[in-house]
Amino acid sequence: MKLVTLYALIFLIVFLVLYVFQYLLKRRKDELGLAKSFVFITRKYNLSMNKKRVRTLSMIIILTNTFIISVPMFIVLVGNINYFFAMFISLVICIILIIVMYNLIGYILKKKGW
């Protein structure tokens, strides 16, 4: 139970930081659809976007990025491993999660008819 609360706390902190910097500030400046992950998903899967879909996809990307960042952080904090090995493991996990999650999002949205 202690590990679940630790992961939930890490997830919440990372989510709040990403929400403020990637959603609220960019929404204020009308820069929501300019993130590289957003462009990658929309171009690769040829998704049609309107204002509401841009906001929805931005929130989905923020949740996905939170998951991608919080998993390696949790593993490094919980695991009792060497610093350099932890950096290597985190890098590998991040790359794998980015590729899998972004393609999964694009595939699901394409199936939904976006």
C-alpha atoms as a PDB file:
ATOM      1  CA  MET A   1       0.000   0.000   0.000  1.00  0.00           C
ATOM      2  CA  LYS A   2       2.921   2.287   0.722  1.00  0.00           C
ATOM      3  CA  LEU A   3       4.218   1.862  -2.832  1.00  0.00           C
ATOM      4  CA  VAL A   4       0.823   2.648  -4.339  1.00  0.00           C
ATOM      5  CA  THR A   5       0.558   5.885  -2.379  1.00  0.00           C
ATOM      6  CA  LEU A   6       4.130   6.806  -3.351  1.00  0.00           C
ATOM      7  CA  TYR A   7       3.341   6.243  -7.027  1.00  0.00           C
ATOM      8  CA  ALA A   8       0.075   8.181  -6.716  1.00  0.00           C
ATOM      9  CA  LEU A   9       1.925  11.081  -5.084  1.00  0.00           C
ATOM     10  CA  ILE A  10       4.589  11.102  -7.815  1.00  0.00           C
ATOM     11  CA  PHE A  11       1.899  10.912 -10.502  1.00  0.00           C
ATOM     12  CA  LEU A  12      -0.060  13.779  -8.944  1.00  0.00           C
ATOM     13  CA  ILE A  13       2.955  16.067  -8.606  1.00  0.00           C
ATOM     14  CA  VAL A  14       4.115  15.433 -12.162  1.00  0.00           C
ATOM     15  CA  PHE A  15       0.564  15.878 -13.473  1.00  0.00           C
ATOM     16  CA  LEU A  16       0.118  19.223 -11.740  1.00  0.00           C
ATOM     17  CA  VAL A  17       3.425  20.540 -13.090  1.00  0.00           C
ATOM     18  CA  LEU A  18       2.678  19.392 -16.635  1.00  0.00           C
ATOM     19  CA  TYR A  19      -0.900  20.668 -16.449  1.00  0.00           C
ATOM     20  CA  VAL A  20       0.226  24.154 -15.502  1.00  0.00           C
ATOM     21  CA  PHE A  21       3.093  24.413 -17.976  1.00  0.00           C
ATOM     22  CA  GLN A  22       1.729  22.444 -20.926  1.00  0.00           C
ATOM     23  CA  TYR A  23      -1.969  23.238 -20.747  1.00  0.00           C
ATOM     24  CA  LEU A  24      -2.842  26.376 -18.811  1.00  0.00           C
ATOM     25  CA  LEU A  25       0.014  28.567 -20.009  1.00  0.00           C
ATOM     26  CA  LYS A  26      -0.160  27.332 -23.604  1.00  0.00           C
ATOM     27  CA  ARG A  27      -3.942  27.668 -23.690  1.00  0.00           C
ATOM     28  CA  ARG A  28      -3.587  31.265 -22.618  1.00  0.00           C
ATOM     29  CA  LYS A  29      -1.187  31.951 -25.499  1.00  0.00           C
ATOM     30  CA  ASP A  30      -3.138  29.857 -28.047  1.00  0.00           C
ATOM     31  CA  GLU A  31      -0.216  27.430 -28.467  1.00  0.00           C
ATOM     32  CA  LEU A  32      -1.986  24.182 -27.530  1.00  0.00           C
ATOM     33  CA  GLY A  33      -1.475  22.318 -30.796  1.00  0.00           C
ATOM     34  CA  LEU A  34       2.222  23.099 -31.179  1.00  0.00           C
ATOM     35  CA  ALA A  35       3.787  20.381 -29.009  1.00  0.00           C
ATOM     36  CA  LYS A  36       5.917  17.850 -30.871  1.00  0.00           C
ATOM     37  CA  SER A  37       3.967  14.923 -29.467  1.00  0.00           C
ATOM     38  CA  PHE A  38       0.722  16.527 -30.649  1.00  0.00           C
ATOM     39  CA  VAL A  39       2.108  17.106 -34.131  1.00  0.00           C
ATOM     40  CA  PHE A  40       3.507  13.549 -34.272  1.00  0.00           C
ATOM     41  CA  ILE A  41       0.178  11.945 -33.390  1.00  0.00           C
ATOM     42  CA  THR A  42      -1.945  14.138 -35.673  1.00  0.00           C
ATOM     43  CA  ARG A  43       0.335  13.822 -38.697  1.00  0.00           C
ATOM     44  CA  LYS A  44       1.152  10.129 -38.415  1.00  0.00           C
ATOM     45  CA  TYR A  45      -2.463   9.082 -37.981  1.00  0.00           C
ATOM     46  CA  ASN A  46      -3.921  11.875 -40.149  1.00  0.00           C
ATOM     47  CA  LEU A  47      -6.342  13.109 -37.492  1.00  0.00           C
ATOM     48  CA  SER A  48      -8.708  16.002 -38.180  1.00  0.00           C
ATOM     49  CA  MET A  49      -8.640  18.605 -35.439  1.00  0.00           C
ATOM     50  CA  ASN A  50     -11.017  21.286 -34.267  1.00  0.00           C
ATOM     51  CA  LYS A  51     -10.779  23.460 -31.154  1.00  0.00           C
ATOM     52  CA  LYS A  52     -12.467  20.957 -28.843  1.00  0.00           C
ATOM     53  CA  ARG A  53     -10.391  18.035 -30.112  1.00  0.00           C
ATOM     54  CA  VAL A  54      -7.181  20.018 -29.677  1.00  0.00           C
ATOM     55  CA  ARG A  55      -8.012  20.544 -25.999  1.00  0.00           C
ATOM     56  CA  THR A  56      -9.007  16.915 -25.525  1.00  0.00           C
ATOM     57  CA  LEU A  57      -5.891  15.573 -27.226  1.00  0.00           C
ATOM     58  CA  SER A  58      -3.729  17.983 -25.240  1.00  0.00           C
ATOM     59  CA  MET A  59      -5.147  16.613 -21.987  1.00  0.00           C
ATOM     60  CA  ILE A  60      -4.646  13.036 -23.187  1.00  0.00           C
ATOM     61  CA  ILE A  61      -1.030  13.838 -24.042  1.00  0.00           C
ATOM     62  CA  ILE A  62      -0.502  15.441 -20.631  1.00  0.00           C
ATOM     63  CA  LEU A  63      -1.851  12.335 -18.894  1.00  0.00           C
ATOM     64  CA  THR A  64       0.318  10.126 -21.088  1.00  0.00           C
ATOM     65  CA  ASN A  65       3.418  12.228 -20.460  1.00  0.00           C
ATOM     66  CA  THR A  66       2.695  12.087 -16.744  1.00  0.00           C
ATOM     67  CA  PHE A  67       2.591   8.304 -16.914  1.00  0.00           C
ATOM     68  CA  ILE A  68       5.772   8.200 -19.020  1.00  0.00           C
ATOM     69  CA  ILE A  69       7.670  10.391 -16.558  1.00  0.00           C
ATOM     70  CA  SER A  70       6.301   8.933 -13.328  1.00  0.00           C
ATOM     71  CA  VAL A  71       7.047   5.260 -14.075  1.00  0.00           C
ATOM     72  CA  PRO A  72      10.857   5.673 -14.319  1.00  0.00           C
ATOM     73  CA  MET A  73      10.842   8.064 -11.365  1.00  0.00           C
ATOM     74  CA  PHE A  74       9.004   5.496  -9.276  1.00  0.00           C
ATOM     75  CA  ILE A  75      11.334   2.682 -10.321  1.00  0.00           C
ATOM     76  CA  VAL A  76      14.415   4.739  -9.468  1.00  0.00           C
ATOM     77  CA  LEU A  77      13.015   5.810  -6.103  1.00  0.00           C
ATOM     78  CA  VAL A  78      11.852   2.344  -5.086  1.00  0.00           C
ATOM     79  CA  GLY A  79      14.688   0.300  -6.537  1.00  0.00           C
ATOM     80  CA  ASN A  80      17.969   0.215  -4.702  1.00  0.00           C
ATOM     81  CA  ILE A  81      20.183   0.403  -7.778  1.00  0.00           C
ATOM     82  CA  ASN A  82      23.343   2.139  -8.920  1.00  0.00           C
ATOM     83  CA  TYR A  83      23.001   5.725 -10.177  1.00  0.00           C
ATOM     84  CA  PHE A  84      24.289   5.070 -13.709  1.00  0.00           C
ATOM     85  CA  PHE A  85      22.285   1.886 -14.056  1.00  0.00           C
ATOM     86  CA  ALA A  86      19.181   3.759 -12.887  1.00  0.00           C
ATOM     87  CA  MET A  87      19.798   6.440 -15.537  1.00  0.00           C
ATOM     88  CA  PHE A  88      20.163   3.770 -18.234  1.00  0.00           C
ATOM     89  CA  ILE A  89      17.044   1.905 -17.140  1.00  0.00           C
ATOM     90  CA  SER A  90      15.062   5.173 -16.998  1.00  0.00           C
ATOM     91  CA  LEU A  91      16.176   6.130 -20.488  1.00  0.00           C
ATOM     92  CA  VAL A  92      15.212   2.765 -21.941  1.00  0.00           C
ATOM     93  CA  ILE A  93      11.850   2.747 -20.176  1.00  0.00           C
ATOM     94  CA  CYS A  94      11.089   6.310 -21.317  1.00  0.00           C
ATOM     95  CA  ILE A  95      11.894   5.553 -24.952  1.00  0.00           C
ATOM     96  CA  ILE A  96       9.798   2.388 -24.958  1.00  0.00           C
ATOM     97  CA  LEU A  97       6.860   4.075 -23.225  1.00  0.00           C
ATOM     98  CA  ILE A  98       6.951   7.081 -25.560  1.00  0.00           C
ATOM     99  CA  ILE A  99       6.874   4.924 -28.673  1.00  0.00           C
ATOM    100  CA  VAL A 100       4.193   2.573 -27.380  1.00  0.00           C
ATOM    101  CA  MET A 101       1.904   5.147 -25.749  1.00  0.00           C
ATOM    102  CA  TYR A 102       1.913   7.735 -28.555  1.00  0.00           C
ATOM    103  CA  ASN A 103       1.227   5.098 -31.185  1.00  0.00           C
ATOM    104  CA  LEU A 104      -1.509   3.608 -29.000  1.00  0.00           C
ATOM    105  CA  ILE A 105      -3.166   7.013 -28.611  1.00  0.00           C
ATOM    106  CA  GLY A 106      -3.033   7.644 -32.353  1.00  0.00           C
ATOM    107  CA  TYR A 107      -4.365   4.192 -33.166  1.00  0.00           C
ATOM    108  CA  ILE A 108      -7.265   4.506 -30.708  1.00  0.00           C
ATOM    109  CA  LEU A 109      -8.219   7.987 -31.916  1.00  0.00           C
ATOM    110  CA  LYS A 110      -8.050   6.865 -35.549  1.00  0.00           C
ATOM    111  CA  LYS A 111     -10.381   3.950 -34.731  1.00  0.00           C
ATOM    112  CA  LYS A 112     -12.789   6.386 -33.033  1.00  0.00           C
ATOM    113  CA  GLY A 113     -13.047   8.397 -36.251  1.00  0.00           C
ATOM    114  CA  TRP A 114     -10.952  11.440 -35.497  1.00  0.00           C
END
